[in-house]
Amino acid sequence: MEKATLGGGCFWCLEAVFREMAGVTSAQSGYAGGHVANPSYEEVCGKRTGHAEVVQVTFDPALLTFADLLRVFFTIHDPTTKDRQGADIGPQYRSIILTHGAEQEATTKTVIAEITTAGLWPRPIVTEIVPLTEFWPAEPEHDNYFARNPWSGYCQAVIAPKLNKFRKAFAGTLKAQGGD
């Protein structure tokens, strides 16, 4: 198994998408990239810990490559806006990839070059690329948020459209119905 730690706005959005991908065995919301040990959601939202809301994805590299995981990541969030995703504003919502070694860093740079050349986004990608130093799991109420709260306003307005975009663009990467 391999891990990837990615931030692209609210962690509920990314977690919901990655949980549906074949080859992903877990997607855990949490915090990384900051300077405070074991921060709380309230501290991270206070914008003084330096952390981003991230999802740590555990996946089987025999079924899903890190590069393919990144291609989904760069499609489901806007990597061209600094400290913002839609109405979510602040450094905790920044686009960030916290690498688990030199190979992931190199793959990240290759995928960014590929996406830039393809013109997927009209503006330059501002995604931060840094080595992971520590991942702090989010509080239990954030786990699998979308599945537990599908009819909440935020889930309907923000997460559901991202999931639909992912399902349409990456239909071949979905887990079998009812599968985990």
C-alpha atoms as a PDB file:
ATOM      1  CA  MET A   1       0.000   0.000   0.000  1.00  0.00           C
ATOM      2  CA  GLU A   2       1.044   3.580  -0.631  1.00  0.00           C
ATOM      3  CA  LYS A   3      -0.110   6.878   0.895  1.00  0.00           C
ATOM      4  CA  ALA A   4      -0.803  10.259  -0.653  1.00  0.00           C
ATOM      5  CA  THR A   5      -1.611  13.414   1.325  1.00  0.00           C
ATOM      6  CA  LEU A   6      -3.522  16.023  -0.651  1.00  0.00           C
ATOM      7  CA  GLY A   7      -5.268  19.298   0.119  1.00  0.00           C
ATOM      8  CA  GLY A   8      -7.595  21.072  -2.270  1.00  0.00           C
ATOM      9  CA  GLY A   9     -10.184  22.991  -0.308  1.00  0.00           C
ATOM     10  CA  CYS A  10     -12.557  21.431   2.172  1.00  0.00           C
ATOM     11  CA  PHE A  11     -11.429  17.935   3.101  1.00  0.00           C
ATOM     12  CA  TRP A  12     -15.014  16.640   2.972  1.00  0.00           C
ATOM     13  CA  CYS A  13     -15.013  17.122  -0.822  1.00  0.00           C
ATOM     14  CA  LEU A  14     -11.777  15.290  -1.527  1.00  0.00           C
ATOM     15  CA  GLU A  15     -12.551  12.488   0.893  1.00  0.00           C
ATOM     16  CA  ALA A  16     -15.942  11.821  -0.762  1.00  0.00           C
ATOM     17  CA  VAL A  17     -14.331  11.508  -4.197  1.00  0.00           C
ATOM     18  CA  PHE A  18     -11.352   9.388  -3.174  1.00  0.00           C
ATOM     19  CA  ARG A  19     -13.556   6.956  -1.223  1.00  0.00           C
ATOM     20  CA  GLU A  20     -15.250   6.067  -4.541  1.00  0.00           C
ATOM     21  CA  MET A  21     -12.037   5.257  -6.430  1.00  0.00           C
ATOM     22  CA  ALA A  22     -11.081   1.683  -7.184  1.00  0.00           C
ATOM     23  CA  GLY A  23      -7.723   0.945  -5.567  1.00  0.00           C
ATOM     24  CA  VAL A  24      -8.293   3.300  -2.630  1.00  0.00           C
ATOM     25  CA  THR A  25      -8.500   1.419   0.658  1.00  0.00           C
ATOM     26  CA  SER A  26      -9.014   4.464   2.889  1.00  0.00           C
ATOM     27  CA  ALA A  27      -9.370   8.234   2.779  1.00  0.00           C
ATOM     28  CA  GLN A  28      -8.872  10.034   6.098  1.00  0.00           C
ATOM     29  CA  SER A  29      -9.574  13.735   6.599  1.00  0.00           C
ATOM     30  CA  GLY A  30      -6.991  15.601   8.622  1.00  0.00           C
ATOM     31  CA  TYR A  31      -4.514  18.443   8.866  1.00  0.00           C
ATOM     32  CA  ALA A  32      -0.943  18.848   7.590  1.00  0.00           C
ATOM     33  CA  GLY A  33       1.557  21.471   6.558  1.00  0.00           C
ATOM     34  CA  GLY A  34       1.429  23.534   9.735  1.00  0.00           C
ATOM     35  CA  HIS A  35       3.463  24.238  12.832  1.00  0.00           C
ATOM     36  CA  VAL A  36       1.116  23.291  15.713  1.00  0.00           C
ATOM     37  CA  ALA A  37       0.975  19.744  17.085  1.00  0.00           C
ATOM     38  CA  ASN A  38      -2.373  17.960  16.895  1.00  0.00           C
ATOM     39  CA  PRO A  39      -4.487  20.984  15.905  1.00  0.00           C
ATOM     40  CA  SER A  40      -8.256  21.073  16.246  1.00  0.00           C
ATOM     41  CA  TYR A  41     -10.677  22.008  13.481  1.00  0.00           C
ATOM     42  CA  GLU A  42     -11.365  25.309  15.241  1.00  0.00           C
ATOM     43  CA  GLU A  43      -7.625  26.098  15.468  1.00  0.00           C
ATOM     44  CA  VAL A  44      -7.065  25.313  11.782  1.00  0.00           C
ATOM     45  CA  CYS A  45     -10.088  27.430  10.795  1.00  0.00           C
ATOM     46  CA  GLY A  46      -8.610  30.226  12.939  1.00  0.00           C
ATOM     47  CA  LYS A  47      -5.854  30.456  10.287  1.00  0.00           C
ATOM     48  CA  ARG A  48      -2.923  30.629  12.735  1.00  0.00           C
ATOM     49  CA  THR A  49      -1.659  27.016  12.731  1.00  0.00           C
ATOM     50  CA  GLY A  50      -0.414  26.962   9.142  1.00  0.00           C
ATOM     51  CA  HIS A  51      -2.244  23.700   8.449  1.00  0.00           C
ATOM     52  CA  ALA A  52      -4.276  22.832   5.390  1.00  0.00           C
ATOM     53  CA  GLU A  53      -7.331  20.631   5.427  1.00  0.00           C
ATOM     54  CA  VAL A  54      -6.058  17.483   3.712  1.00  0.00           C
ATOM     55  CA  VAL A  55      -7.027  13.914   2.971  1.00  0.00           C
ATOM     56  CA  GLN A  56      -4.576  11.093   3.466  1.00  0.00           C
ATOM     57  CA  VAL A  57      -5.354   8.453   0.868  1.00  0.00           C
ATOM     58  CA  THR A  58      -4.136   4.875   1.219  1.00  0.00           C
ATOM     59  CA  PHE A  59      -4.154   3.075  -2.109  1.00  0.00           C
ATOM     60  CA  ASP A  60      -2.918  -0.054  -3.835  1.00  0.00           C
ATOM     61  CA  PRO A  61      -0.317   1.008  -6.445  1.00  0.00           C
ATOM     62  CA  ALA A  62      -1.009  -2.203  -8.382  1.00  0.00           C
ATOM     63  CA  LEU A  63      -4.556  -0.900  -9.021  1.00  0.00           C
ATOM     64  CA  LEU A  64      -4.092   2.878  -8.978  1.00  0.00           C
ATOM     65  CA  THR A  65      -0.973   4.890  -9.693  1.00  0.00           C
ATOM     66  CA  PHE A  66      -0.023   8.021  -7.779  1.00  0.00           C
ATOM     67  CA  ALA A  67      -0.042   9.885 -11.117  1.00  0.00           C
ATOM     68  CA  ASP A  68      -3.636   8.816 -11.811  1.00  0.00           C
ATOM     69  CA  LEU A  69      -4.644   9.834  -8.297  1.00  0.00           C
ATOM     70  CA  LEU A  70      -3.116  13.273  -8.992  1.00  0.00           C
ATOM     71  CA  ARG A  71      -4.974  13.565 -12.304  1.00  0.00           C
ATOM     72  CA  VAL A  72      -8.234  13.169 -10.405  1.00  0.00           C
ATOM     73  CA  PHE A  73      -7.047  15.595  -7.711  1.00  0.00           C
ATOM     74  CA  PHE A  74      -6.246  18.292 -10.289  1.00  0.00           C
ATOM     75  CA  THR A  75      -9.653  17.831 -11.924  1.00  0.00           C
ATOM     76  CA  ILE A  76     -11.845  18.035  -8.817  1.00  0.00           C
ATOM     77  CA  HIS A  77     -10.450  21.272  -7.375  1.00  0.00           C
ATOM     78  CA  ASP A  78      -9.082  24.536  -8.759  1.00  0.00           C
ATOM     79  CA  PRO A  79      -5.294  24.436  -8.315  1.00  0.00           C
ATOM     80  CA  THR A  80      -4.930  27.991  -9.664  1.00  0.00           C
ATOM     81  CA  THR A  81      -6.377  29.908  -6.711  1.00  0.00           C
ATOM     82  CA  LYS A  82      -4.198  30.661  -3.711  1.00  0.00           C
ATOM     83  CA  ASP A  83      -5.806  29.936  -0.338  1.00  0.00           C
ATOM     84  CA  ARG A  84      -9.261  29.489  -1.824  1.00  0.00           C
ATOM     85  CA  GLN A  85     -11.725  27.007  -3.264  1.00  0.00           C
ATOM     86  CA  GLY A  86     -14.978  28.640  -4.293  1.00  0.00           C
ATOM     87  CA  ALA A  87     -16.516  30.361  -1.272  1.00  0.00           C
ATOM     88  CA  ASP A  88     -14.051  28.654   1.106  1.00  0.00           C
ATOM     89  CA  ILE A  89     -11.305  31.210   1.744  1.00  0.00           C
ATOM     90  CA  GLY A  90      -8.197  30.912   3.897  1.00  0.00           C
ATOM     91  CA  PRO A  91      -4.820  29.153   3.994  1.00  0.00           C
ATOM     92  CA  GLN A  92      -6.454  25.977   5.296  1.00  0.00           C
ATOM     93  CA  TYR A  93      -8.121  25.622   1.862  1.00  0.00           C
ATOM     94  CA  ARG A  94      -4.930  25.947  -0.192  1.00  0.00           C
ATOM     95  CA  SER A  95      -3.996  23.508  -2.915  1.00  0.00           C
ATOM     96  CA  ILE A  96      -1.174  21.391  -1.503  1.00  0.00           C
ATOM     97  CA  ILE A  97       0.509  18.062  -2.106  1.00  0.00           C
ATOM     98  CA  LEU A  98       2.502  16.758   0.848  1.00  0.00           C
ATOM     99  CA  THR A  99       4.830  14.219  -0.683  1.00  0.00           C
ATOM    100  CA  HIS A 100       5.887  10.909   0.835  1.00  0.00           C
ATOM    101  CA  GLY A 101       9.341  10.850  -0.765  1.00  0.00           C
ATOM    102  CA  ALA A 102      11.336  11.936  -3.789  1.00  0.00           C
ATOM    103  CA  GLU A 103       9.440   9.684  -6.202  1.00  0.00           C
ATOM    104  CA  GLN A 104       6.111  11.336  -5.351  1.00  0.00           C
ATOM    105  CA  GLU A 105       7.694  14.769  -5.690  1.00  0.00           C
ATOM    106  CA  ALA A 106       9.021  13.918  -9.158  1.00  0.00           C
ATOM    107  CA  THR A 107       5.680  12.416 -10.225  1.00  0.00           C
ATOM    108  CA  THR A 108       3.863  15.509  -8.956  1.00  0.00           C
ATOM    109  CA  LYS A 109       6.052  17.803 -11.051  1.00  0.00           C
ATOM    110  CA  THR A 110       5.570  15.580 -14.116  1.00  0.00           C
ATOM    111  CA  VAL A 111       1.768  15.566 -13.743  1.00  0.00           C
ATOM    112  CA  ILE A 112       1.677  19.347 -13.221  1.00  0.00           C
ATOM    113  CA  ALA A 113       3.726  19.803 -16.414  1.00  0.00           C
ATOM    114  CA  GLU A 114       1.362  17.443 -18.262  1.00  0.00           C
ATOM    115  CA  ILE A 115      -1.720  19.334 -17.060  1.00  0.00           C
ATOM    116  CA  THR A 116      -0.160  22.697 -17.845  1.00  0.00           C
ATOM    117  CA  THR A 117       0.762  21.578 -21.377  1.00  0.00           C
ATOM    118  CA  ALA A 118      -2.747  20.194 -21.903  1.00  0.00           C
ATOM    119  CA  GLY A 119      -4.245  23.558 -20.880  1.00  0.00           C
ATOM    120  CA  LEU A 120      -6.625  22.005 -18.351  1.00  0.00           C
ATOM    121  CA  TRP A 121      -6.618  25.260 -16.376  1.00  0.00           C
ATOM    122  CA  PRO A 122      -6.502  28.769 -17.923  1.00  0.00           C
ATOM    123  CA  ARG A 123      -4.246  30.162 -15.165  1.00  0.00           C
ATOM    124  CA  PRO A 124      -0.955  28.876 -13.700  1.00  0.00           C
ATOM    125  CA  ILE A 125      -1.134  26.093 -11.112  1.00  0.00           C
ATOM    126  CA  VAL A 126      -0.187  27.400  -7.646  1.00  0.00           C
ATOM    127  CA  THR A 127      -0.312  24.069  -5.809  1.00  0.00           C
ATOM    128  CA  GLU A 128       2.242  23.940  -3.004  1.00  0.00           C
ATOM    129  CA  ILE A 129       4.515  20.873  -3.101  1.00  0.00           C
ATOM    130  CA  VAL A 130       6.228  20.070   0.206  1.00  0.00           C
ATOM    131  CA  PRO A 131       7.393  16.944   2.015  1.00  0.00           C
ATOM    132  CA  LEU A 132       4.962  15.586   4.580  1.00  0.00           C
ATOM    133  CA  THR A 133       6.289  16.049   8.095  1.00  0.00           C
ATOM    134  CA  GLU A 134       3.194  15.120  10.104  1.00  0.00           C
ATOM    135  CA  PHE A 135      -0.418  14.204   9.410  1.00  0.00           C
ATOM    136  CA  TRP A 136      -2.980  14.827  12.124  1.00  0.00           C
ATOM    137  CA  PRO A 137      -6.319  13.000  11.707  1.00  0.00           C
ATOM    138  CA  ALA A 138      -9.378  15.226  11.945  1.00  0.00           C
ATOM    139  CA  GLU A 139     -11.986  14.778  14.629  1.00  0.00           C
ATOM    140  CA  PRO A 140     -14.341  11.771  14.133  1.00  0.00           C
ATOM    141  CA  GLU A 141     -17.285  13.958  13.092  1.00  0.00           C
ATOM    142  CA  HIS A 142     -15.407  14.771   9.855  1.00  0.00           C
ATOM    143  CA  ASP A 143     -14.977  11.108   8.830  1.00  0.00           C
ATOM    144  CA  ASN A 144     -17.058  10.150   5.802  1.00  0.00           C
ATOM    145  CA  TYR A 145     -18.948  13.427   6.190  1.00  0.00           C
ATOM    146  CA  PHE A 146     -20.711  13.403   2.843  1.00  0.00           C
ATOM    147  CA  ALA A 147     -22.064   9.852   3.229  1.00  0.00           C
ATOM    148  CA  ARG A 148     -23.399  10.711   6.680  1.00  0.00           C
ATOM    149  CA  ASN A 149     -24.847  14.132   5.713  1.00  0.00           C
ATOM    150  CA  PRO A 150     -25.801  13.940   2.011  1.00  0.00           C
ATOM    151  CA  TRP A 151     -28.751  16.306   2.306  1.00  0.00           C
ATOM    152  CA  SER A 152     -27.004  19.121   4.174  1.00  0.00           C
ATOM    153  CA  GLY A 153     -26.802  22.395   2.276  1.00  0.00           C
ATOM    154  CA  TYR A 154     -22.993  22.323   1.916  1.00  0.00           C
ATOM    155  CA  CYS A 155     -23.021  18.734   0.716  1.00  0.00           C
ATOM    156  CA  GLN A 156     -25.698  19.466  -1.893  1.00  0.00           C
ATOM    157  CA  ALA A 157     -24.212  22.755  -3.096  1.00  0.00           C
ATOM    158  CA  VAL A 158     -20.491  21.931  -3.048  1.00  0.00           C
ATOM    159  CA  ILE A 159     -19.668  18.238  -2.616  1.00  0.00           C
ATOM    160  CA  ALA A 160     -22.380  16.652  -4.799  1.00  0.00           C
ATOM    161  CA  PRO A 161     -21.382  18.651  -7.928  1.00  0.00           C
ATOM    162  CA  LYS A 162     -17.709  17.679  -7.433  1.00  0.00           C
ATOM    163  CA  LEU A 163     -18.685  14.031  -7.037  1.00  0.00           C
ATOM    164  CA  ASN A 164     -20.824  14.181 -10.175  1.00  0.00           C
ATOM    165  CA  LYS A 165     -17.978  15.785 -12.137  1.00  0.00           C
ATOM    166  CA  PHE A 166     -15.607  13.063 -10.937  1.00  0.00           C
ATOM    167  CA  ARG A 167     -18.078  10.245 -11.702  1.00  0.00           C
ATOM    168  CA  LYS A 168     -18.592  11.544 -15.235  1.00  0.00           C
ATOM    169  CA  ALA A 169     -14.926  12.275 -16.039  1.00  0.00           C
ATOM    170  CA  PHE A 170     -13.471   9.189 -14.367  1.00  0.00           C
ATOM    171  CA  ALA A 171     -16.216   6.568 -14.673  1.00  0.00           C
ATOM    172  CA  GLY A 172     -13.616   3.853 -15.286  1.00  0.00           C
ATOM    173  CA  THR A 173     -12.006   4.430 -11.896  1.00  0.00           C
ATOM    174  CA  LEU A 174     -15.107   3.919  -9.749  1.00  0.00           C
ATOM    175  CA  LYS A 175     -15.365   1.086  -7.250  1.00  0.00           C
ATOM    176  CA  ALA A 176     -17.957  -1.568  -8.031  1.00  0.00           C
ATOM    177  CA  GLN A 177     -21.387  -0.686  -6.594  1.00  0.00           C
ATOM    178  CA  GLY A 178     -21.560  -1.598  -2.948  1.00  0.00           C
ATOM    179  CA  GLY A 179     -17.795  -2.201  -2.840  1.00  0.00           C
ATOM    180  CA  ASP A 180     -15.241  -0.596  -0.588  1.00  0.00           C
END
